Amino acid sequence: VGFDINKDRINELKDGIDVTGELSKQELKNATNISYTTNLDKLKN
């Protein structure tokens, strides 16, 4: 579970966009076993 307080960052990642340029769209697309959230409760498990 990937957590960040920046909602825009989370929305971009959900759309497969990494504005830092570290990861390509394909690399993000291939990352199927990850979820992105700003909700702390999603980390309880």
All heavy atoms as atom14 arrays in JSON, in Angstrom:
{
  "sequence": "VGFDINKDRINELKDGIDVTGELSKQELKNATNISYTTNLDKLKN",
  "atom14_mask": [
    [1, 1, 1, 1, 1, 1, 1, 0, 0, 0, 0, 0, 0, 0],
    [1, 1, 1, 1, 0, 0, 0, 0, 0, 0, 0, 0, 0, 0],
    [1, 1, 1, 1, 1, 1, 1, 1, 1, 1, 1, 0, 0, 0],
    [1, 1, 1, 1, 1, 1, 1, 1, 0, 0, 0, 0, 0, 0],
    [1, 1, 1, 1, 1, 1, 1, 1, 0, 0, 0, 0, 0, 0],
    [1, 1, 1, 1, 1, 1, 1, 1, 0, 0, 0, 0, 0, 0],
    [1, 1, 1, 1, 1, 1, 1, 1, 1, 0, 0, 0, 0, 0],
    [1, 1, 1, 1, 1, 1, 1, 1, 0, 0, 0, 0, 0, 0],
    [1, 1, 1, 1, 1, 1, 1, 1, 1, 1, 1, 0, 0, 0],
    [1, 1, 1, 1, 1, 1, 1, 1, 0, 0, 0, 0, 0, 0],
    [1, 1, 1, 1, 1, 1, 1, 1, 0, 0, 0, 0, 0, 0],
    [1, 1, 1, 1, 1, 1, 1, 1, 1, 0, 0, 0, 0, 0],
    [1, 1, 1, 1, 1, 1, 1, 1, 0, 0, 0, 0, 0, 0],
    [1, 1, 1, 1, 1, 1, 1, 1, 1, 0, 0, 0, 0, 0],
    [1, 1, 1, 1, 1, 1, 1, 1, 0, 0, 0, 0, 0, 0],
    [1, 1, 1, 1, 0, 0, 0, 0, 0, 0, 0, 0, 0, 0],
    [1, 1, 1, 1, 1, 1, 1, 1, 0, 0, 0, 0, 0, 0],
    [1, 1, 1, 1, 1, 1, 1, 1, 0, 0, 0, 0, 0, 0],
    [1, 1, 1, 1, 1, 1, 1, 0, 0, 0, 0, 0, 0, 0],
    [1, 1, 1, 1, 1, 1, 1, 0, 0, 0, 0, 0, 0, 0],
    [1, 1, 1, 1, 0, 0, 0, 0, 0, 0, 0, 0, 0, 0],
    [1, 1, 1, 1, 1, 1, 1, 1, 1, 0, 0, 0, 0, 0],
    [1, 1, 1, 1, 1, 1, 1, 1, 0, 0, 0, 0, 0, 0],
    [1, 1, 1, 1, 1, 1, 0, 0, 0, 0, 0, 0, 0, 0],
    [1, 1, 1, 1, 1, 1, 1, 1, 1, 0, 0, 0, 0, 0],
    [1, 1, 1, 1, 1, 1, 1, 1, 1, 0, 0, 0, 0, 0],
    [1, 1, 1, 1, 1, 1, 1, 1, 1, 0, 0, 0, 0, 0],
    [1, 1, 1, 1, 1, 1, 1, 1, 0, 0, 0, 0, 0, 0],
    [1, 1, 1, 1, 1, 1, 1, 1, 1, 0, 0, 0, 0, 0],
    [1, 1, 1, 1, 1, 1, 1, 1, 0, 0, 0, 0, 0, 0],
    [1, 1, 1, 1, 1, 0, 0, 0, 0, 0, 0, 0, 0, 0],
    [1, 1, 1, 1, 1, 1, 1, 0, 0, 0, 0, 0, 0, 0],
    [1, 1, 1, 1, 1, 1, 1, 1, 0, 0, 0, 0, 0, 0],
    [1, 1, 1, 1, 1, 1, 1, 1, 0, 0, 0, 0, 0, 0],
    [1, 1, 1, 1, 1, 1, 0, 0, 0, 0, 0, 0, 0, 0],
    [1, 1, 1, 1, 1, 1, 1, 1, 1, 1, 1, 1, 0, 0],
    [1, 1, 1, 1, 1, 1, 1, 0, 0, 0, 0, 0, 0, 0],
    [1, 1, 1, 1, 1, 1, 1, 0, 0, 0, 0, 0, 0, 0],
    [1, 1, 1, 1, 1, 1, 1, 1, 0, 0, 0, 0, 0, 0],
    [1, 1, 1, 1, 1, 1, 1, 1, 0, 0, 0, 0, 0, 0],
    [1, 1, 1, 1, 1, 1, 1, 1, 0, 0, 0, 0, 0, 0],
    [1, 1, 1, 1, 1, 1, 1, 1, 1, 0, 0, 0, 0, 0],
    [1, 1, 1, 1, 1, 1, 1, 1, 0, 0, 0, 0, 0, 0],
    [1, 1, 1, 1, 1, 1, 1, 1, 1, 0, 0, 0, 0, 0],
    [1, 1, 1, 1, 1, 1, 1, 1, 0, 0, 0, 0, 0, 0]
  ],
  "atom14_positions": [
    [[0.87, -1.18, 0.0], [0.0, 0.0, 0.0], [0.9, 1.23, 0.0], [1.74, 1.4, 0.89], [-0.93, 0.04, 1.23], [-1.82, 1.28, 1.16], [-1.78, -1.22, 1.31], [0.0, 0.0, 0.0], [0.0, 0.0, 0.0], [0.0, 0.0, 0.0], [0.0, 0.0, 0.0], [0.0, 0.0, 0.0], [0.0, 0.0, 0.0], [0.0, 0.0, 0.0]],
    [[0.73, 2.08, -1.0], [1.5, 3.32, -1.08], [0.69, 4.48, -0.52], [-0.44, 4.73, -0.96], [0.0, 0.0, 0.0], [0.0, 0.0, 0.0], [0.0, 0.0, 0.0], [0.0, 0.0, 0.0], [0.0, 0.0, 0.0], [0.0, 0.0, 0.0], [0.0, 0.0, 0.0], [0.0, 0.0, 0.0], [0.0, 0.0, 0.0], [0.0, 0.0, 0.0]],
    [[1.24, 5.19, 0.47], [0.52, 6.27, 1.14], [1.24, 7.6, 0.93], [2.46, 7.69, 1.04], [0.42, 5.98, 2.64], [-0.2, 7.11, 3.44], [-1.57, 7.19, 3.59], [0.6, 8.09, 4.03], [-2.15, 8.22, 4.32], [0.03, 9.13, 4.75], [-1.34, 9.2, 4.9], [0.0, 0.0, 0.0], [0.0, 0.0, 0.0], [0.0, 0.0, 0.0]],
    [[0.45, 8.63, 0.63], [0.99, 9.99, 0.53], [-0.11, 10.97, 0.91], [-1.29, 10.73, 0.62], [1.49, 10.27, -0.9], [2.51, 11.4, -0.95], [2.11, 12.57, -0.75], [3.7, 11.13, -1.18], [0.0, 0.0, 0.0], [0.0, 0.0, 0.0], [0.0, 0.0, 0.0], [0.0, 0.0, 0.0], [0.0, 0.0, 0.0], [0.0, 0.0, 0.0]],
    [[0.27, 12.07, 1.55], [-0.73, 13.06, 1.97], [-1.16, 13.96, 0.81], [-2.16, 14.66, 0.9], [-0.2, 13.94, 3.12], [1.08, 14.7, 2.71], [0.04, 13.09, 4.37], [1.56, 15.7, 3.74], [0.0, 0.0, 0.0], [0.0, 0.0, 0.0], [0.0, 0.0, 0.0], [0.0, 0.0, 0.0], [0.0, 0.0, 0.0], [0.0, 0.0, 0.0]],
    [[-0.39, 13.91, -0.3], [-0.69, 14.73, -1.47], [-1.73, 14.03, -2.35], [-1.42, 13.06, -3.04], [0.6, 14.99, -2.25], [0.42, 15.98, -3.39], [-0.67, 16.12, -3.97], [1.49, 16.68, -3.74], [0.0, 0.0, 0.0], [0.0, 0.0, 0.0], [0.0, 0.0, 0.0], [0.0, 0.0, 0.0], [0.0, 0.0, 0.0], [0.0, 0.0, 0.0]],
    [[-2.95, 14.53, -2.35], [-4.04, 13.91, -3.11], [-3.75, 13.92, -4.61], [-4.08, 12.96, -5.32], [-5.36, 14.61, -2.82], [-5.89, 14.37, -1.4], [-7.22, 15.07, -1.18], [-7.73, 14.82, 0.23], [-9.03, 15.52, 0.49], [0.0, 0.0, 0.0], [0.0, 0.0, 0.0], [0.0, 0.0, 0.0], [0.0, 0.0, 0.0], [0.0, 0.0, 0.0]],
    [[-3.17, 15.03, -5.1], [-2.86, 15.12, -6.53], [-1.86, 14.04, -6.93], [-1.99, 13.43, -8.01], [-2.29, 16.5, -6.87], [-3.34, 17.6, -6.76], [-4.55, 17.29, -6.84], [-2.95, 18.78, -6.57], [0.0, 0.0, 0.0], [0.0, 0.0, 0.0], [0.0, 0.0, 0.0], [0.0, 0.0, 0.0], [0.0, 0.0, 0.0], [0.0, 0.0, 0.0]],
    [[-0.87, 13.81, -6.09], [0.13, 12.77, -6.35], [-0.54, 11.4, -6.43], [-0.24, 10.62, -7.34], [1.2, 12.79, -5.25], [2.26, 11.68, -5.33], [3.15, 11.82, -6.55], [4.32, 10.96, -6.47], [5.06, 10.64, -7.51], [4.75, 11.09, -8.72], [6.13, 9.87, -7.36], [0.0, 0.0, 0.0], [0.0, 0.0, 0.0], [0.0, 0.0, 0.0]],
    [[-1.41, 11.1, -5.51], [-2.11, 9.82, -5.5], [-2.96, 9.65, -6.75], [-2.97, 8.59, -7.39], [-2.98, 9.67, -4.24], [-2.09, 9.58, -2.99], [-3.9, 8.46, -4.34], [-1.16, 8.39, -2.96], [0.0, 0.0, 0.0], [0.0, 0.0, 0.0], [0.0, 0.0, 0.0], [0.0, 0.0, 0.0], [0.0, 0.0, 0.0], [0.0, 0.0, 0.0]],
    [[-3.68, 10.7, -7.13], [-4.54, 10.64, -8.33], [-3.72, 10.43, -9.59], [-4.11, 9.68, -10.49], [-5.37, 11.91, -8.46], [-6.46, 12.0, -7.39], [-6.92, 10.97, -6.88], [-6.87, 13.21, -7.03], [0.0, 0.0, 0.0], [0.0, 0.0, 0.0], [0.0, 0.0, 0.0], [0.0, 0.0, 0.0], [0.0, 0.0, 0.0], [0.0, 0.0, 0.0]],
    [[-2.56, 11.09, -9.67], [-1.66, 10.91, -10.82], [-1.17, 9.46, -10.91], [-1.16, 8.87, -11.99], [-0.47, 11.85, -10.72], [-0.79, 13.31, -10.97], [0.32, 14.24, -10.54], [1.32, 13.76, -9.94], [0.19, 15.47, -10.76], [0.0, 0.0, 0.0], [0.0, 0.0, 0.0], [0.0, 0.0, 0.0], [0.0, 0.0, 0.0], [0.0, 0.0, 0.0]],
    [[-0.79, 8.9, -9.77], [-0.3, 7.52, -9.76], [-1.39, 6.54, -10.14], [-1.14, 5.55, -10.84], [0.3, 7.18, -8.39], [1.59, 7.93, -8.02], [1.99, 7.63, -6.58], [2.71, 7.57, -8.98], [0.0, 0.0, 0.0], [0.0, 0.0, 0.0], [0.0, 0.0, 0.0], [0.0, 0.0, 0.0], [0.0, 0.0, 0.0], [0.0, 0.0, 0.0]],
    [[-2.6, 6.8, -9.68], [-3.73, 5.95, -10.05], [-3.99, 6.0, -11.55], [-4.47, 5.03, -12.14], [-4.99, 6.36, -9.28], [-4.97, 5.94, -7.8], [-6.24, 6.38, -7.09], [-6.25, 5.89, -5.64], [-7.47, 6.33, -4.92], [0.0, 0.0, 0.0], [0.0, 0.0, 0.0], [0.0, 0.0, 0.0], [0.0, 0.0, 0.0], [0.0, 0.0, 0.0]],
    [[-3.65, 7.15, -12.15], [-3.8, 7.31, -13.6], [-2.57, 6.82, -14.36], [-2.48, 6.98, -15.58], [-4.07, 8.78, -13.95], [-5.45, 9.25, -13.49], [-6.34, 8.39, -13.33], [-5.62, 10.47, -13.29], [0.0, 0.0, 0.0], [0.0, 0.0, 0.0], [0.0, 0.0, 0.0], [0.0, 0.0, 0.0], [0.0, 0.0, 0.0], [0.0, 0.0, 0.0]],
    [[-1.6, 6.28, -13.63], [-0.39, 5.75, -14.27], [0.62, 6.8, -14.66], [1.4, 6.6, -15.6], [0.0, 0.0, 0.0], [0.0, 0.0, 0.0], [0.0, 0.0, 0.0], [0.0, 0.0, 0.0], [0.0, 0.0, 0.0], [0.0, 0.0, 0.0], [0.0, 0.0, 0.0], [0.0, 0.0, 0.0], [0.0, 0.0, 0.0], [0.0, 0.0, 0.0]],
    [[0.63, 7.93, -13.95], [1.55, 9.03, -14.26], [2.48, 9.29, -13.09], [2.05, 9.48, -11.96], [0.76, 10.32, -14.59], [-0.16, 10.1, -15.8], [1.73, 11.48, -14.86], [-1.17, 11.2, -15.99], [0.0, 0.0, 0.0], [0.0, 0.0, 0.0], [0.0, 0.0, 0.0], [0.0, 0.0, 0.0], [0.0, 0.0, 0.0], [0.0, 0.0, 0.0]],
    [[3.79, 9.31, -13.35], [4.79, 9.67, -12.35], [5.49, 10.94, -12.82], [6.35, 10.9, -13.7], [5.8, 8.54, -12.15], [6.94, 8.94, -11.21], [6.73, 9.85, -10.38], [8.03, 8.35, -11.32], [0.0, 0.0, 0.0], [0.0, 0.0, 0.0], [0.0, 0.0, 0.0], [0.0, 0.0, 0.0], [0.0, 0.0, 0.0], [0.0, 0.0, 0.0]],
    [[5.13, 12.06, -12.23], [5.68, 13.35, -12.67], [7.16, 13.49, -12.33], [7.84, 14.36, -12.88], [4.89, 14.54, -12.07], [3.46, 14.57, -12.6], [4.91, 14.5, -10.54], [0.0, 0.0, 0.0], [0.0, 0.0, 0.0], [0.0, 0.0, 0.0], [0.0, 0.0, 0.0], [0.0, 0.0, 0.0], [0.0, 0.0, 0.0], [0.0, 0.0, 0.0]],
    [[7.68, 12.66, -11.43], [9.11, 12.73, -11.12], [9.96, 12.15, -12.24], [11.16, 12.4, -12.3], [9.43, 11.98, -9.82], [9.3, 10.57, -10.01], [8.53, 12.44, -8.68], [0.0, 0.0, 0.0], [0.0, 0.0, 0.0], [0.0, 0.0, 0.0], [0.0, 0.0, 0.0], [0.0, 0.0, 0.0], [0.0, 0.0, 0.0], [0.0, 0.0, 0.0]],
    [[9.34, 11.36, -13.11], [10.07, 10.75, -14.21], [10.9, 9.54, -13.83], [11.63, 8.98, -14.66], [0.0, 0.0, 0.0], [0.0, 0.0, 0.0], [0.0, 0.0, 0.0], [0.0, 0.0, 0.0], [0.0, 0.0, 0.0], [0.0, 0.0, 0.0], [0.0, 0.0, 0.0], [0.0, 0.0, 0.0], [0.0, 0.0, 0.0], [0.0, 0.0, 0.0]],
    [[10.8, 9.1, -12.57], [11.57, 7.94, -12.14], [11.05, 6.64, -12.73], [11.81, 5.72, -13.01], [11.57, 7.85, -10.6], [12.38, 8.94, -9.91], [13.84, 8.93, -10.3], [14.5, 7.88, -10.15], [14.33, 9.98, -10.77], [0.0, 0.0, 0.0], [0.0, 0.0, 0.0], [0.0, 0.0, 0.0], [0.0, 0.0, 0.0], [0.0, 0.0, 0.0]],
    [[9.72, 6.56, -12.9], [9.12, 5.34, -13.44], [8.31, 5.66, -14.69], [7.63, 6.69, -14.76], [8.22, 4.67, -12.4], [8.92, 4.15, -11.13], [7.89, 3.55, -10.19], [9.97, 3.13, -11.47], [0.0, 0.0, 0.0], [0.0, 0.0, 0.0], [0.0, 0.0, 0.0], [0.0, 0.0, 0.0], [0.0, 0.0, 0.0], [0.0, 0.0, 0.0]],
    [[8.37, 4.78, -15.65], [7.62, 4.96, -16.89], [6.16, 4.53, -16.7], [5.81, 3.87, -15.73], [8.26, 4.13, -18.01], [8.13, 2.74, -17.73], [0.0, 0.0, 0.0], [0.0, 0.0, 0.0], [0.0, 0.0, 0.0], [0.0, 0.0, 0.0], [0.0, 0.0, 0.0], [0.0, 0.0, 0.0], [0.0, 0.0, 0.0], [0.0, 0.0, 0.0]],
    [[5.34, 4.9, -17.66], [3.93, 4.47, -17.62], [3.82, 2.95, -17.62], [2.96, 2.39, -16.93], [3.18, 5.06, -18.82], [2.73, 6.5, -18.65], [1.7, 6.88, -19.69], [1.08, 8.23, -19.39], [-0.02, 8.59, -20.29], [0.0, 0.0, 0.0], [0.0, 0.0, 0.0], [0.0, 0.0, 0.0], [0.0, 0.0, 0.0], [0.0, 0.0, 0.0]],
    [[4.69, 2.3, -18.39], [4.67, 0.84, -18.46], [5.04, 0.21, -17.12], [4.42, -0.77, -16.7], [5.62, 0.34, -19.55], [5.47, -1.16, -19.88], [4.07, -1.51, -20.36], [3.52, -0.88, -21.25], [3.5, -2.54, -19.75], [0.0, 0.0, 0.0], [0.0, 0.0, 0.0], [0.0, 0.0, 0.0], [0.0, 0.0, 0.0], [0.0, 0.0, 0.0]],
    [[6.04, 0.79, -16.45], [6.44, 0.27, -15.14], [5.32, 0.4, -14.12], [5.09, -0.51, -13.31], [7.69, 0.99, -14.65], [8.98, 0.58, -15.37], [10.17, 1.4, -14.97], [10.07, 2.64, -14.96], [11.24, 0.8, -14.7], [0.0, 0.0, 0.0], [0.0, 0.0, 0.0], [0.0, 0.0, 0.0], [0.0, 0.0, 0.0], [0.0, 0.0, 0.0]],
    [[4.61, 1.53, -14.17], [3.47, 1.71, -13.27], [2.33, 0.77, -13.63], [1.64, 0.24, -12.75], [3.0, 3.16, -13.31], [3.88, 4.19, -12.58], [3.33, 5.59, -12.78], [3.99, 3.87, -11.1], [0.0, 0.0, 0.0], [0.0, 0.0, 0.0], [0.0, 0.0, 0.0], [0.0, 0.0, 0.0], [0.0, 0.0, 0.0], [0.0, 0.0, 0.0]],
    [[2.12, 0.56, -14.91], [1.07, -0.34, -15.37], [1.33, -1.78, -14.92], [0.41, -2.52, -14.55], [0.95, -0.29, -16.9], [-0.23, -1.07, -17.47], [-0.28, -0.94, -18.99], [-1.45, -1.75, -19.56], [-1.5, -1.62, -21.04], [0.0, 0.0, 0.0], [0.0, 0.0, 0.0], [0.0, 0.0, 0.0], [0.0, 0.0, 0.0], [0.0, 0.0, 0.0]],
    [[2.62, -2.15, -14.93], [2.99, -3.51, -14.54], [2.91, -3.73, -13.03], [2.93, -4.87, -12.57], [4.41, -3.82, -15.01], [4.52, -3.91, -16.52], [3.52, -4.09, -17.22], [5.74, -3.77, -17.06], [0.0, 0.0, 0.0], [0.0, 0.0, 0.0], [0.0, 0.0, 0.0], [0.0, 0.0, 0.0], [0.0, 0.0, 0.0], [0.0, 0.0, 0.0]],
    [[2.84, -2.64, -12.27], [2.77, -2.74, -10.81], [1.33, -3.01, -10.38], [0.59, -2.13, -9.95], [3.3, -1.45, -10.18], [0.0, 0.0, 0.0], [0.0, 0.0, 0.0], [0.0, 0.0, 0.0], [0.0, 0.0, 0.0], [0.0, 0.0, 0.0], [0.0, 0.0, 0.0], [0.0, 0.0, 0.0], [0.0, 0.0, 0.0], [0.0, 0.0, 0.0]],
    [[0.94, -4.25, -10.47], [-0.46, -4.62, -10.22], [-0.76, -4.96, -8.77], [-1.91, -5.01, -8.37], [-0.85, -5.82, -11.11], [0.05, -6.9, -10.87], [-0.79, -5.43, -12.59], [0.0, 0.0, 0.0], [0.0, 0.0, 0.0], [0.0, 0.0, 0.0], [0.0, 0.0, 0.0], [0.0, 0.0, 0.0], [0.0, 0.0, 0.0], [0.0, 0.0, 0.0]],
    [[0.28, -5.19, -7.98], [0.06, -5.62, -6.59], [0.26, -4.47, -5.6], [0.74, -4.67, -4.49], [1.01, -6.78, -6.25], [0.49, -7.63, -5.11], [-0.72, -7.68, -4.84], [1.39, -8.29, -4.4], [0.0, 0.0, 0.0], [0.0, 0.0, 0.0], [0.0, 0.0, 0.0], [0.0, 0.0, 0.0], [0.0, 0.0, 0.0], [0.0, 0.0, 0.0]],
    [[-0.13, -3.27, -6.05], [0.03, -2.09, -5.21], [-1.22, -1.24, -5.29], [-1.87, -1.17, -6.34], [1.27, -1.27, -5.64], [1.51, -0.09, -4.68], [1.13, -0.76, -7.07], [2.83, 0.64, -4.97], [0.0, 0.0, 0.0], [0.0, 0.0, 0.0], [0.0, 0.0, 0.0], [0.0, 0.0, 0.0], [0.0, 0.0, 0.0], [0.0, 0.0, 0.0]],
    [[-1.59, -0.62, -4.18], [-2.69, 0.34, -4.16], [-2.17, 1.66, -3.6], [-1.2, 1.69, -2.84], [-3.85, -0.17, -3.3], [-3.42, -0.42, -1.96], [0.0, 0.0, 0.0], [0.0, 0.0, 0.0], [0.0, 0.0, 0.0], [0.0, 0.0, 0.0], [0.0, 0.0, 0.0], [0.0, 0.0, 0.0], [0.0, 0.0, 0.0], [0.0, 0.0, 0.0]],
    [[-2.8, 2.76, -4.0], [-2.38, 4.1, -3.58], [-3.49, 4.76, -2.8], [-4.67, 4.68, -3.17], [-2.02, 4.96, -4.79], [-0.98, 4.34, -5.71], [-1.36, 3.78, -6.94], [0.36, 4.32, -5.36], [-0.42, 3.21, -7.78], [1.31, 3.75, -6.19], [0.92, 3.2, -7.4], [1.86, 2.63, -8.24], [0.0, 0.0, 0.0], [0.0, 0.0, 0.0]],
    [[-3.13, 5.45, -1.72], [-4.17, 6.04, -0.88], [-3.65, 7.24, -0.08], [-2.45, 7.37, 0.17], [-4.73, 4.98, 0.09], [-5.84, 5.54, 0.82], [-3.66, 4.53, 1.1], [0.0, 0.0, 0.0], [0.0, 0.0, 0.0], [0.0, 0.0, 0.0], [0.0, 0.0, 0.0], [0.0, 0.0, 0.0], [0.0, 0.0, 0.0], [0.0, 0.0, 0.0]],
    [[-4.58, 8.1, 0.32], [-4.32, 9.17, 1.28], [-4.99, 8.86, 2.62], [-4.92, 9.64, 3.56], [-4.86, 10.52, 0.78], [-6.27, 10.4, 0.53], [-4.16, 10.95, -0.51], [0.0, 0.0, 0.0], [0.0, 0.0, 0.0], [0.0, 0.0, 0.0], [0.0, 0.0, 0.0], [0.0, 0.0, 0.0], [0.0, 0.0, 0.0], [0.0, 0.0, 0.0]],
    [[-5.66, 7.7, 2.68], [-6.43, 7.3, 3.86], [-5.57, 6.41, 4.76], [-5.23, 5.29, 4.41], [-7.69, 6.56, 3.42], [-8.61, 6.22, 4.58], [-8.27, 6.4, 5.75], [-9.8, 5.72, 4.26], [0.0, 0.0, 0.0], [0.0, 0.0, 0.0], [0.0, 0.0, 0.0], [0.0, 0.0, 0.0], [0.0, 0.0, 0.0], [0.0, 0.0, 0.0]],
    [[-5.25, 6.9, 5.92], [-4.39, 6.18, 6.86], [-4.99, 4.84, 7.28], [-4.26, 3.87, 7.53], [-4.14, 7.05, 8.09], [-2.94, 6.68, 8.98], [-1.64, 6.84, 8.22], [-2.93, 7.56, 10.23], [0.0, 0.0, 0.0], [0.0, 0.0, 0.0], [0.0, 0.0, 0.0], [0.0, 0.0, 0.0], [0.0, 0.0, 0.0], [0.0, 0.0, 0.0]],
    [[-6.31, 4.77, 7.34], [-6.98, 3.53, 7.75], [-6.68, 2.37, 6.81], [-6.77, 1.2, 7.2], [-8.5, 3.74, 7.84], [-8.89, 4.61, 9.04], [-8.1, 4.69, 10.01], [-9.98, 5.21, 9.0], [0.0, 0.0, 0.0], [0.0, 0.0, 0.0], [0.0, 0.0, 0.0], [0.0, 0.0, 0.0], [0.0, 0.0, 0.0], [0.0, 0.0, 0.0]],
    [[-6.34, 2.67, 5.56], [-6.04, 1.63, 4.58], [-4.73, 0.91, 4.9], [-4.41, -0.12, 4.29], [-5.94, 2.24, 3.17], [-7.23, 2.9, 2.68], [-8.3, 1.9, 2.36], [-9.52, 2.6, 1.73], [-10.61, 1.65, 1.41], [0.0, 0.0, 0.0], [0.0, 0.0, 0.0], [0.0, 0.0, 0.0], [0.0, 0.0, 0.0], [0.0, 0.0, 0.0]],
    [[-3.97, 1.44, 5.87], [-2.68, 0.86, 6.23], [-2.77, -0.07, 7.45], [-1.78, -0.69, 7.83], [-1.66, 1.97, 6.54], [-0.93, 2.63, 5.36], [-1.89, 3.24, 4.37], [0.05, 3.68, 5.86], [0.0, 0.0, 0.0], [0.0, 0.0, 0.0], [0.0, 0.0, 0.0], [0.0, 0.0, 0.0], [0.0, 0.0, 0.0], [0.0, 0.0, 0.0]],
    [[-3.95, -0.18, 8.02], [-4.09, -0.92, 9.27], [-3.76, -2.41, 9.14], [-3.36, -3.05, 10.11], [-5.51, -0.75, 9.83], [-5.76, 0.63, 10.43], [-7.15, 0.72, 11.04], [-7.35, 2.08, 11.74], [-8.7, 2.2, 12.34], [0.0, 0.0, 0.0], [0.0, 0.0, 0.0], [0.0, 0.0, 0.0], [0.0, 0.0, 0.0], [0.0, 0.0, 0.0]],
    [[-3.95, -2.97, 7.95], [-3.67, -4.39, 7.74], [-2.2, -4.65, 7.39], [-1.8, -5.8, 7.17], [-4.56, -4.96, 6.65], [-6.02, -5.02, 7.07], [-6.33, -5.22, 8.25], [-6.94, -4.82, 6.13], [0.0, 0.0, 0.0], [0.0, 0.0, 0.0], [0.0, 0.0, 0.0], [0.0, 0.0, 0.0], [0.0, 0.0, 0.0], [0.0, 0.0, 0.0]]
  ]
}
